[in-house]
Amino acid sequence: MVLCRRINCKELKAYNVVFISSADNAAEIIRDSHGLSIVSVSDKPNFANQEGIIGLVLAPDNYRFSFEIYFDTAQAAYVHTSTRILQLAERVYTAK
């Protein structure tokens, strides 16, 4: 695992997972990662609903994190999402 801060979007293809912090330009990273097999993860509000792949959210009990998945973006990035992972997600977004 390599931790890089402020990654240049041209370098994205070298990574499998990218965490997008609140200081990063999520829209630019998501746009530049289209067509690449990269799992984008962020704790930004509504990240999964904005075509990121995995959005970390505070669970309803406010004591643990859960996650949301944008299924169509995951499929477009050739990221396999098992039915078990989809069942564990707080929400699963699709375009349909």
Foldseek 3Di string as FASTA:
>chain_A
DDDDPPDDLVCVLVDAEAEAEPVHDLVVNQVSCQQANHQYEYQPPCSQVVLHAKHWDQDPVNPDIAIEGAVVSNVRNVHDDDVVNCVRHPYYHYPD
